[in-house]
Amino acid sequence: MYGCEWDDDTGATGGFNQFGYDGEDFITYDLKNQRYIGPTPQASITAQKWNNDPAQLEHRKQYLTQECVAWLQKYVSYRRSALERTVAPKVSLLQKDSLLSCRYLSCDRILPRGIMVTWQKDGKDLDEDVELGRRCPTGRNIPDQISPES
Protein backbone atom coordinates (compact mmCIF):
# COMPACT_ATOMS: atom_id res chain seq x y z
CA MET A 1 0.00 0.00 0.00
CA TYR A 2 1.22 3.50 -0.69
CA GLY A 3 0.10 7.04 -0.18
CA CYS A 4 1.20 10.60 0.25
CA GLU A 5 0.40 13.61 2.37
CA TRP A 6 0.54 17.32 1.76
CA ASP A 7 0.15 20.24 4.13
CA ASP A 8 -1.70 23.01 2.29
CA ASP A 9 -0.42 25.65 4.74
CA THR A 10 3.29 24.78 4.82
CA GLY A 11 3.66 22.92 1.53
CA ALA A 12 5.33 20.02 3.37
CA THR A 13 4.94 16.64 1.71
CA GLY A 14 5.48 13.06 2.75
CA GLY A 15 4.62 9.58 1.72
CA PHE A 16 4.76 5.90 2.47
CA ASN A 17 5.12 2.64 0.60
CA GLN A 18 4.54 -0.63 2.43
CA PHE A 19 4.31 -4.24 1.40
CA GLY A 20 2.70 -7.06 3.34
CA TYR A 21 2.80 -10.81 3.11
CA ASP A 22 0.46 -13.30 4.74
CA GLY A 23 -1.14 -10.59 6.88
CA GLU A 24 2.19 -9.28 8.22
CA ASP A 25 4.39 -6.30 7.36
CA PHE A 26 7.00 -7.36 4.83
CA ILE A 27 8.87 -4.31 3.52
CA THR A 28 8.52 -0.60 4.30
CA TYR A 29 10.01 2.28 2.35
CA ASP A 30 11.72 4.92 4.52
CA LEU A 31 11.24 8.16 2.57
CA LYS A 32 13.48 10.25 4.81
CA ASN A 33 16.47 7.93 4.38
CA GLN A 34 15.46 6.75 0.90
CA ARG A 35 15.74 3.04 1.60
CA TYR A 36 13.63 -0.06 2.12
CA ILE A 37 13.48 -1.78 5.49
CA GLY A 38 12.79 -5.49 5.86
CA PRO A 39 11.93 -6.47 9.45
CA THR A 40 12.41 -10.21 8.84
CA PRO A 41 15.35 -12.15 7.36
CA GLN A 42 13.21 -13.06 4.34
CA ALA A 43 12.20 -9.44 3.73
CA SER A 44 15.72 -8.09 4.25
CA ILE A 45 16.91 -10.04 1.19
CA THR A 46 14.40 -8.22 -1.03
CA ALA A 47 14.99 -4.89 0.73
CA GLN A 48 18.74 -5.21 0.15
CA LYS A 49 18.17 -5.92 -3.55
CA TRP A 50 15.86 -2.90 -3.92
CA ASN A 51 18.23 -0.68 -1.93
CA ASN A 52 21.01 -1.50 -4.41
CA ASP A 53 19.05 0.15 -7.24
CA PRO A 54 19.56 3.94 -6.86
CA ALA A 55 17.36 4.73 -9.88
CA GLN A 56 14.44 2.84 -8.35
CA LEU A 57 14.95 4.55 -4.98
CA GLU A 58 15.00 7.98 -6.64
CA HIS A 59 11.91 7.11 -8.67
CA ARG A 60 10.07 6.07 -5.49
CA LYS A 61 11.03 9.34 -3.78
CA GLN A 62 9.96 11.39 -6.83
CA TYR A 63 6.66 9.57 -7.03
CA LEU A 64 5.76 9.95 -3.34
CA THR A 65 6.84 13.59 -3.01
CA GLN A 66 5.77 14.96 -6.39
CA GLU A 67 3.52 12.86 -8.63
CA CYS A 68 1.38 11.43 -5.82
CA VAL A 69 1.13 14.89 -4.23
CA ALA A 70 0.12 16.43 -7.58
CA TRP A 71 -2.72 13.90 -7.85
CA LEU A 72 -3.71 14.55 -4.25
CA GLN A 73 -3.83 18.31 -4.88
CA LYS A 74 -5.93 17.76 -7.99
CA TYR A 75 -8.46 15.60 -6.12
CA VAL A 76 -8.59 18.06 -3.21
CA SER A 77 -9.32 20.88 -5.68
CA TYR A 78 -12.13 18.81 -7.23
CA ARG A 79 -13.63 18.29 -3.78
CA ARG A 80 -13.29 21.97 -2.90
CA SER A 81 -14.99 23.07 -6.09
CA ALA A 82 -17.82 20.61 -5.45
CA LEU A 83 -18.31 21.91 -1.90
CA GLU A 84 -18.13 25.57 -2.92
CA ARG A 85 -20.46 25.15 -5.88
CA THR A 86 -23.85 26.75 -5.55
CA VAL A 87 -26.57 25.01 -7.50
CA ALA A 88 -30.10 26.29 -7.48
CA PRO A 89 -32.37 23.65 -5.98
CA LYS A 90 -35.11 22.16 -8.09
CA VAL A 91 -38.33 23.39 -6.51
CA SER A 92 -41.94 22.50 -7.21
CA LEU A 93 -45.11 23.62 -5.48
CA LEU A 94 -48.23 21.49 -5.36
CA GLN A 95 -51.59 22.61 -4.03
CA LYS A 96 -54.48 20.17 -3.81
CA ASP A 97 -58.04 21.04 -2.91
CA SER A 98 -58.92 18.92 0.06
CA LEU A 99 -60.40 19.25 3.50
CA LEU A 100 -56.99 20.30 4.84
CA SER A 101 -56.06 22.63 1.93
CA CYS A 102 -52.39 21.66 2.13
CA ARG A 103 -49.60 23.03 0.00
CA TYR A 104 -46.50 20.90 -0.47
CA LEU A 105 -43.10 22.31 -1.33
CA SER A 106 -40.62 19.87 -2.79
CA CYS A 107 -36.92 20.74 -3.05
CA ASP A 108 -34.34 18.47 -4.68
CA ARG A 109 -30.59 18.78 -5.42
CA ILE A 110 -29.82 20.77 -2.28
CA LEU A 111 -26.08 20.74 -1.60
CA PRO A 112 -24.54 20.79 0.91
CA ARG A 113 -26.82 19.09 3.39
CA GLY A 114 -28.08 21.06 6.32
CA ILE A 115 -29.72 23.83 4.30
CA MET A 116 -33.04 24.94 5.75
CA VAL A 117 -35.88 25.81 3.38
CA THR A 118 -38.58 28.20 4.60
CA TRP A 119 -41.86 29.61 3.37
CA GLN A 120 -41.87 33.40 3.12
CA LYS A 121 -44.53 36.00 2.56
CA ASP A 122 -43.53 39.59 1.86
CA GLY A 123 -39.92 38.69 2.74
CA LYS A 124 -40.80 37.32 6.19
CA ASP A 125 -40.56 33.69 7.27
CA LEU A 126 -43.87 31.96 7.92
CA ASP A 127 -43.54 29.79 11.02
CA GLU A 128 -47.19 29.31 11.89
CA ASP A 129 -48.83 26.12 10.59
CA VAL A 130 -45.58 24.98 8.97
CA GLU A 131 -44.61 21.35 9.34
CA LEU A 132 -41.20 19.97 8.39
CA GLY A 133 -41.26 16.66 6.59
CA ARG A 134 -40.20 14.66 3.56
CA ARG A 135 -42.47 12.50 1.47
CA CYS A 136 -40.93 9.35 0.03
CA PRO A 137 -42.12 7.84 -3.25
CA THR A 138 -43.93 5.28 -1.07
CA GLY A 139 -46.02 8.09 0.42
CA ARG A 140 -44.40 7.84 3.86
CA ASN A 141 -43.44 11.15 5.52
CA ILE A 142 -39.89 11.64 6.78
CA PRO A 143 -38.63 14.82 8.52
CA ASP A 144 -36.63 17.23 6.30
CA GLN A 145 -38.95 18.97 3.88
CA ILE A 146 -41.48 21.72 4.43
CA SER A 147 -45.21 21.02 4.20
CA PRO A 148 -47.00 24.22 5.25
CA GLU A 149 -50.70 24.28 5.96
CA SER A 150 -52.54 27.18 4.32
C-alpha atoms as a PDB file:
ATOM      1  CA  MET A   1       0.000   0.000   0.000  1.00  0.00           C
ATOM      2  CA  TYR A   2       1.224   3.496  -0.690  1.00  0.00           C
ATOM      3  CA  GLY A   3       0.099   7.038  -0.181  1.00  0.00           C
ATOM      4  CA  CYS A   4       1.203  10.596   0.246  1.00  0.00           C
ATOM      5  CA  GLU A   5       0.403  13.611   2.368  1.00  0.00           C
ATOM      6  CA  TRP A   6       0.536  17.321   1.755  1.00  0.00           C
ATOM      7  CA  ASP A   7       0.146  20.244   4.126  1.00  0.00           C
ATOM      8  CA  ASP A   8      -1.697  23.009   2.289  1.00  0.00           C
ATOM      9  CA  ASP A   9      -0.419  25.653   4.741  1.00  0.00           C
ATOM     10  CA  THR A  10       3.293  24.778   4.818  1.00  0.00           C
ATOM     11  CA  GLY A  11       3.661  22.915   1.528  1.00  0.00           C
ATOM     12  CA  ALA A  12       5.329  20.022   3.366  1.00  0.00           C
ATOM     13  CA  THR A  13       4.937  16.640   1.710  1.00  0.00           C
ATOM     14  CA  GLY A  14       5.476  13.062   2.754  1.00  0.00           C
ATOM     15  CA  GLY A  15       4.621   9.576   1.715  1.00  0.00           C
ATOM     16  CA  PHE A  16       4.759   5.899   2.471  1.00  0.00           C
ATOM     17  CA  ASN A  17       5.116   2.639   0.598  1.00  0.00           C
ATOM     18  CA  GLN A  18       4.539  -0.626   2.434  1.00  0.00           C
ATOM     19  CA  PHE A  19       4.305  -4.242   1.396  1.00  0.00           C
ATOM     20  CA  GLY A  20       2.704  -7.055   3.341  1.00  0.00           C
ATOM     21  CA  TYR A  21       2.801 -10.807   3.105  1.00  0.00           C
ATOM     22  CA  ASP A  22       0.458 -13.299   4.738  1.00  0.00           C
ATOM     23  CA  GLY A  23      -1.135 -10.595   6.883  1.00  0.00           C
ATOM     24  CA  GLU A  24       2.186  -9.281   8.219  1.00  0.00           C
ATOM     25  CA  ASP A  25       4.393  -6.297   7.360  1.00  0.00           C
ATOM     26  CA  PHE A  26       7.002  -7.363   4.829  1.00  0.00           C
ATOM     27  CA  ILE A  27       8.872  -4.309   3.521  1.00  0.00           C
ATOM     28  CA  THR A  28       8.519  -0.600   4.300  1.00  0.00           C
ATOM     29  CA  TYR A  29      10.013   2.284   2.346  1.00  0.00           C
ATOM     30  CA  ASP A  30      11.718   4.919   4.517  1.00  0.00           C
ATOM     31  CA  LEU A  31      11.237   8.155   2.570  1.00  0.00           C
ATOM     32  CA  LYS A  32      13.479  10.252   4.808  1.00  0.00           C
ATOM     33  CA  ASN A  33      16.469   7.925   4.380  1.00  0.00           C
ATOM     34  CA  GLN A  34      15.460   6.749   0.903  1.00  0.00           C
ATOM     35  CA  ARG A  35      15.735   3.043   1.602  1.00  0.00           C
ATOM     36  CA  TYR A  36      13.634  -0.057   2.120  1.00  0.00           C
ATOM     37  CA  ILE A  37      13.479  -1.781   5.486  1.00  0.00           C
ATOM     38  CA  GLY A  38      12.786  -5.493   5.858  1.00  0.00           C
ATOM     39  CA  PRO A  39      11.930  -6.474   9.450  1.00  0.00           C
ATOM     40  CA  THR A  40      12.406 -10.213   8.837  1.00  0.00           C
ATOM     41  CA  PRO A  41      15.351 -12.150   7.355  1.00  0.00           C
ATOM     42  CA  GLN A  42      13.206 -13.059   4.339  1.00  0.00           C
ATOM     43  CA  ALA A  43      12.202  -9.435   3.731  1.00  0.00           C
ATOM     44  CA  SER A  44      15.715  -8.089   4.251  1.00  0.00           C
ATOM     45  CA  ILE A  45      16.913 -10.040   1.188  1.00  0.00           C
ATOM     46  CA  THR A  46      14.396  -8.224  -1.029  1.00  0.00           C
ATOM     47  CA  ALA A  47      14.992  -4.893   0.732  1.00  0.00           C
ATOM     48  CA  GLN A  48      18.738  -5.213   0.148  1.00  0.00           C
ATOM     49  CA  LYS A  49      18.169  -5.924  -3.552  1.00  0.00           C
ATOM     50  CA  TRP A  50      15.856  -2.902  -3.919  1.00  0.00           C
ATOM     51  CA  ASN A  51      18.230  -0.676  -1.928  1.00  0.00           C
ATOM     52  CA  ASN A  52      21.014  -1.498  -4.414  1.00  0.00           C
ATOM     53  CA  ASP A  53      19.049   0.148  -7.237  1.00  0.00           C
ATOM     54  CA  PRO A  54      19.561   3.937  -6.863  1.00  0.00           C
ATOM     55  CA  ALA A  55      17.365   4.731  -9.883  1.00  0.00           C
ATOM     56  CA  GLN A  56      14.441   2.837  -8.354  1.00  0.00           C
ATOM     57  CA  LEU A  57      14.953   4.546  -4.981  1.00  0.00           C
ATOM     58  CA  GLU A  58      14.999   7.980  -6.638  1.00  0.00           C
ATOM     59  CA  HIS A  59      11.907   7.106  -8.669  1.00  0.00           C
ATOM     60  CA  ARG A  60      10.069   6.068  -5.488  1.00  0.00           C
ATOM     61  CA  LYS A  61      11.030   9.340  -3.780  1.00  0.00           C
ATOM     62  CA  GLN A  62       9.959  11.394  -6.829  1.00  0.00           C
ATOM     63  CA  TYR A  63       6.658   9.567  -7.027  1.00  0.00           C
ATOM     64  CA  LEU A  64       5.763   9.948  -3.343  1.00  0.00           C
ATOM     65  CA  THR A  65       6.838  13.593  -3.007  1.00  0.00           C
ATOM     66  CA  GLN A  66       5.771  14.962  -6.395  1.00  0.00           C
ATOM     67  CA  GLU A  67       3.523  12.856  -8.628  1.00  0.00           C
ATOM     68  CA  CYS A  68       1.382  11.430  -5.825  1.00  0.00           C
ATOM     69  CA  VAL A  69       1.132  14.889  -4.233  1.00  0.00           C
ATOM     70  CA  ALA A  70       0.120  16.433  -7.577  1.00  0.00           C
ATOM     71  CA  TRP A  71      -2.723  13.901  -7.855  1.00  0.00           C
ATOM     72  CA  LEU A  72      -3.708  14.548  -4.246  1.00  0.00           C
ATOM     73  CA  GLN A  73      -3.830  18.310  -4.876  1.00  0.00           C
ATOM     74  CA  LYS A  74      -5.931  17.755  -7.988  1.00  0.00           C
ATOM     75  CA  TYR A  75      -8.461  15.597  -6.117  1.00  0.00           C
ATOM     76  CA  VAL A  76      -8.588  18.059  -3.208  1.00  0.00           C
ATOM     77  CA  SER A  77      -9.321  20.880  -5.682  1.00  0.00           C
ATOM     78  CA  TYR A  78     -12.134  18.807  -7.228  1.00  0.00           C
ATOM     79  CA  ARG A  79     -13.631  18.294  -3.776  1.00  0.00           C
ATOM     80  CA  ARG A  80     -13.291  21.974  -2.898  1.00  0.00           C
ATOM     81  CA  SER A  81     -14.989  23.065  -6.095  1.00  0.00           C
ATOM     82  CA  ALA A  82     -17.823  20.613  -5.445  1.00  0.00           C
ATOM     83  CA  LEU A  83     -18.307  21.907  -1.900  1.00  0.00           C
ATOM     84  CA  GLU A  84     -18.128  25.567  -2.916  1.00  0.00           C
ATOM     85  CA  ARG A  85     -20.461  25.152  -5.883  1.00  0.00           C
ATOM     86  CA  THR A  86     -23.846  26.747  -5.554  1.00  0.00           C
ATOM     87  CA  VAL A  87     -26.570  25.014  -7.503  1.00  0.00           C
ATOM     88  CA  ALA A  88     -30.102  26.295  -7.476  1.00  0.00           C
ATOM     89  CA  PRO A  89     -32.367  23.654  -5.975  1.00  0.00           C
ATOM     90  CA  LYS A  90     -35.108  22.160  -8.091  1.00  0.00           C
ATOM     91  CA  VAL A  91     -38.331  23.387  -6.506  1.00  0.00           C
ATOM     92  CA  SER A  92     -41.937  22.498  -7.205  1.00  0.00           C
ATOM     93  CA  LEU A  93     -45.114  23.616  -5.477  1.00  0.00           C
ATOM     94  CA  LEU A  94     -48.231  21.486  -5.359  1.00  0.00           C
ATOM     95  CA  GLN A  95     -51.594  22.611  -4.029  1.00  0.00           C
ATOM     96  CA  LYS A  96     -54.478  20.170  -3.806  1.00  0.00           C
ATOM     97  CA  ASP A  97     -58.035  21.042  -2.910  1.00  0.00           C
ATOM     98  CA  SER A  98     -58.916  18.921   0.064  1.00  0.00           C
ATOM     99  CA  LEU A  99     -60.403  19.246   3.497  1.00  0.00           C
ATOM    100  CA  LEU A 100     -56.986  20.300   4.835  1.00  0.00           C
ATOM    101  CA  SER A 101     -56.057  22.627   1.928  1.00  0.00           C
ATOM    102  CA  CYS A 102     -52.387  21.664   2.127  1.00  0.00           C
ATOM    103  CA  ARG A 103     -49.601  23.034  -0.003  1.00  0.00           C
ATOM    104  CA  TYR A 104     -46.498  20.904  -0.472  1.00  0.00           C
ATOM    105  CA  LEU A 105     -43.102  22.315  -1.329  1.00  0.00           C
ATOM    106  CA  SER A 106     -40.622  19.868  -2.788  1.00  0.00           C
ATOM    107  CA  CYS A 107     -36.919  20.736  -3.051  1.00  0.00           C
ATOM    108  CA  ASP A 108     -34.341  18.466  -4.681  1.00  0.00           C
ATOM    109  CA  ARG A 109     -30.592  18.779  -5.416  1.00  0.00           C
ATOM    110  CA  ILE A 110     -29.822  20.775  -2.284  1.00  0.00           C
ATOM    111  CA  LEU A 111     -26.077  20.745  -1.596  1.00  0.00           C
ATOM    112  CA  PRO A 112     -24.542  20.785   0.913  1.00  0.00           C
ATOM    113  CA  ARG A 113     -26.817  19.088   3.393  1.00  0.00           C
ATOM    114  CA  GLY A 114     -28.085  21.059   6.316  1.00  0.00           C
ATOM    115  CA  ILE A 115     -29.721  23.827   4.297  1.00  0.00           C
ATOM    116  CA  MET A 116     -33.042  24.940   5.748  1.00  0.00           C
ATOM    117  CA  VAL A 117     -35.877  25.810   3.382  1.00  0.00           C
ATOM    118  CA  THR A 118     -38.584  28.195   4.599  1.00  0.00           C
ATOM    119  CA  TRP A 119     -41.863  29.611   3.370  1.00  0.00           C
ATOM    120  CA  GLN A 120     -41.872  33.397   3.122  1.00  0.00           C
ATOM    121  CA  LYS A 121     -44.532  35.999   2.561  1.00  0.00           C
ATOM    122  CA  ASP A 122     -43.526  39.594   1.858  1.00  0.00           C
ATOM    123  CA  GLY A 123     -39.919  38.686   2.736  1.00  0.00           C
ATOM    124  CA  LYS A 124     -40.795  37.323   6.188  1.00  0.00           C
ATOM    125  CA  ASP A 125     -40.558  33.691   7.270  1.00  0.00           C
ATOM    126  CA  LEU A 126     -43.866  31.955   7.917  1.00  0.00           C
ATOM    127  CA  ASP A 127     -43.545  29.787  11.016  1.00  0.00           C
ATOM    128  CA  GLU A 128     -47.192  29.308  11.893  1.00  0.00           C
ATOM    129  CA  ASP A 129     -48.832  26.125  10.593  1.00  0.00           C
ATOM    130  CA  VAL A 130     -45.581  24.979   8.968  1.00  0.00           C
ATOM    131  CA  GLU A 131     -44.609  21.354   9.344  1.00  0.00           C
ATOM    132  CA  LEU A 132     -41.199  19.967   8.388  1.00  0.00           C
ATOM    133  CA  GLY A 133     -41.255  16.657   6.594  1.00  0.00           C
ATOM    134  CA  ARG A 134     -40.204  14.661   3.560  1.00  0.00           C
ATOM    135  CA  ARG A 135     -42.470  12.495   1.469  1.00  0.00           C
ATOM    136  CA  CYS A 136     -40.934   9.350   0.025  1.00  0.00           C
ATOM    137  CA  PRO A 137     -42.121   7.835  -3.253  1.00  0.00           C
ATOM    138  CA  THR A 138     -43.933   5.275  -1.071  1.00  0.00           C
ATOM    139  CA  GLY A 139     -46.023   8.091   0.420  1.00  0.00           C
ATOM    140  CA  ARG A 140     -44.398   7.841   3.856  1.00  0.00           C
ATOM    141  CA  ASN A 141     -43.441  11.148   5.522  1.00  0.00           C
ATOM    142  CA  ILE A 142     -39.892  11.636   6.782  1.00  0.00           C
ATOM    143  CA  PRO A 143     -38.630  14.822   8.519  1.00  0.00           C
ATOM    144  CA  ASP A 144     -36.629  17.234   6.300  1.00  0.00           C
ATOM    145  CA  GLN A 145     -38.952  18.968   3.879  1.00  0.00           C
ATOM    146  CA  ILE A 146     -41.484  21.719   4.430  1.00  0.00           C
ATOM    147  CA  SER A 147     -45.209  21.024   4.199  1.00  0.00           C
ATOM    148  CA  PRO A 148     -47.002  24.220   5.249  1.00  0.00           C
ATOM    149  CA  GLU A 149     -50.699  24.281   5.960  1.00  0.00           C
ATOM    150  CA  SER A 150     -52.536  27.176   4.321  1.00  0.00           C
END
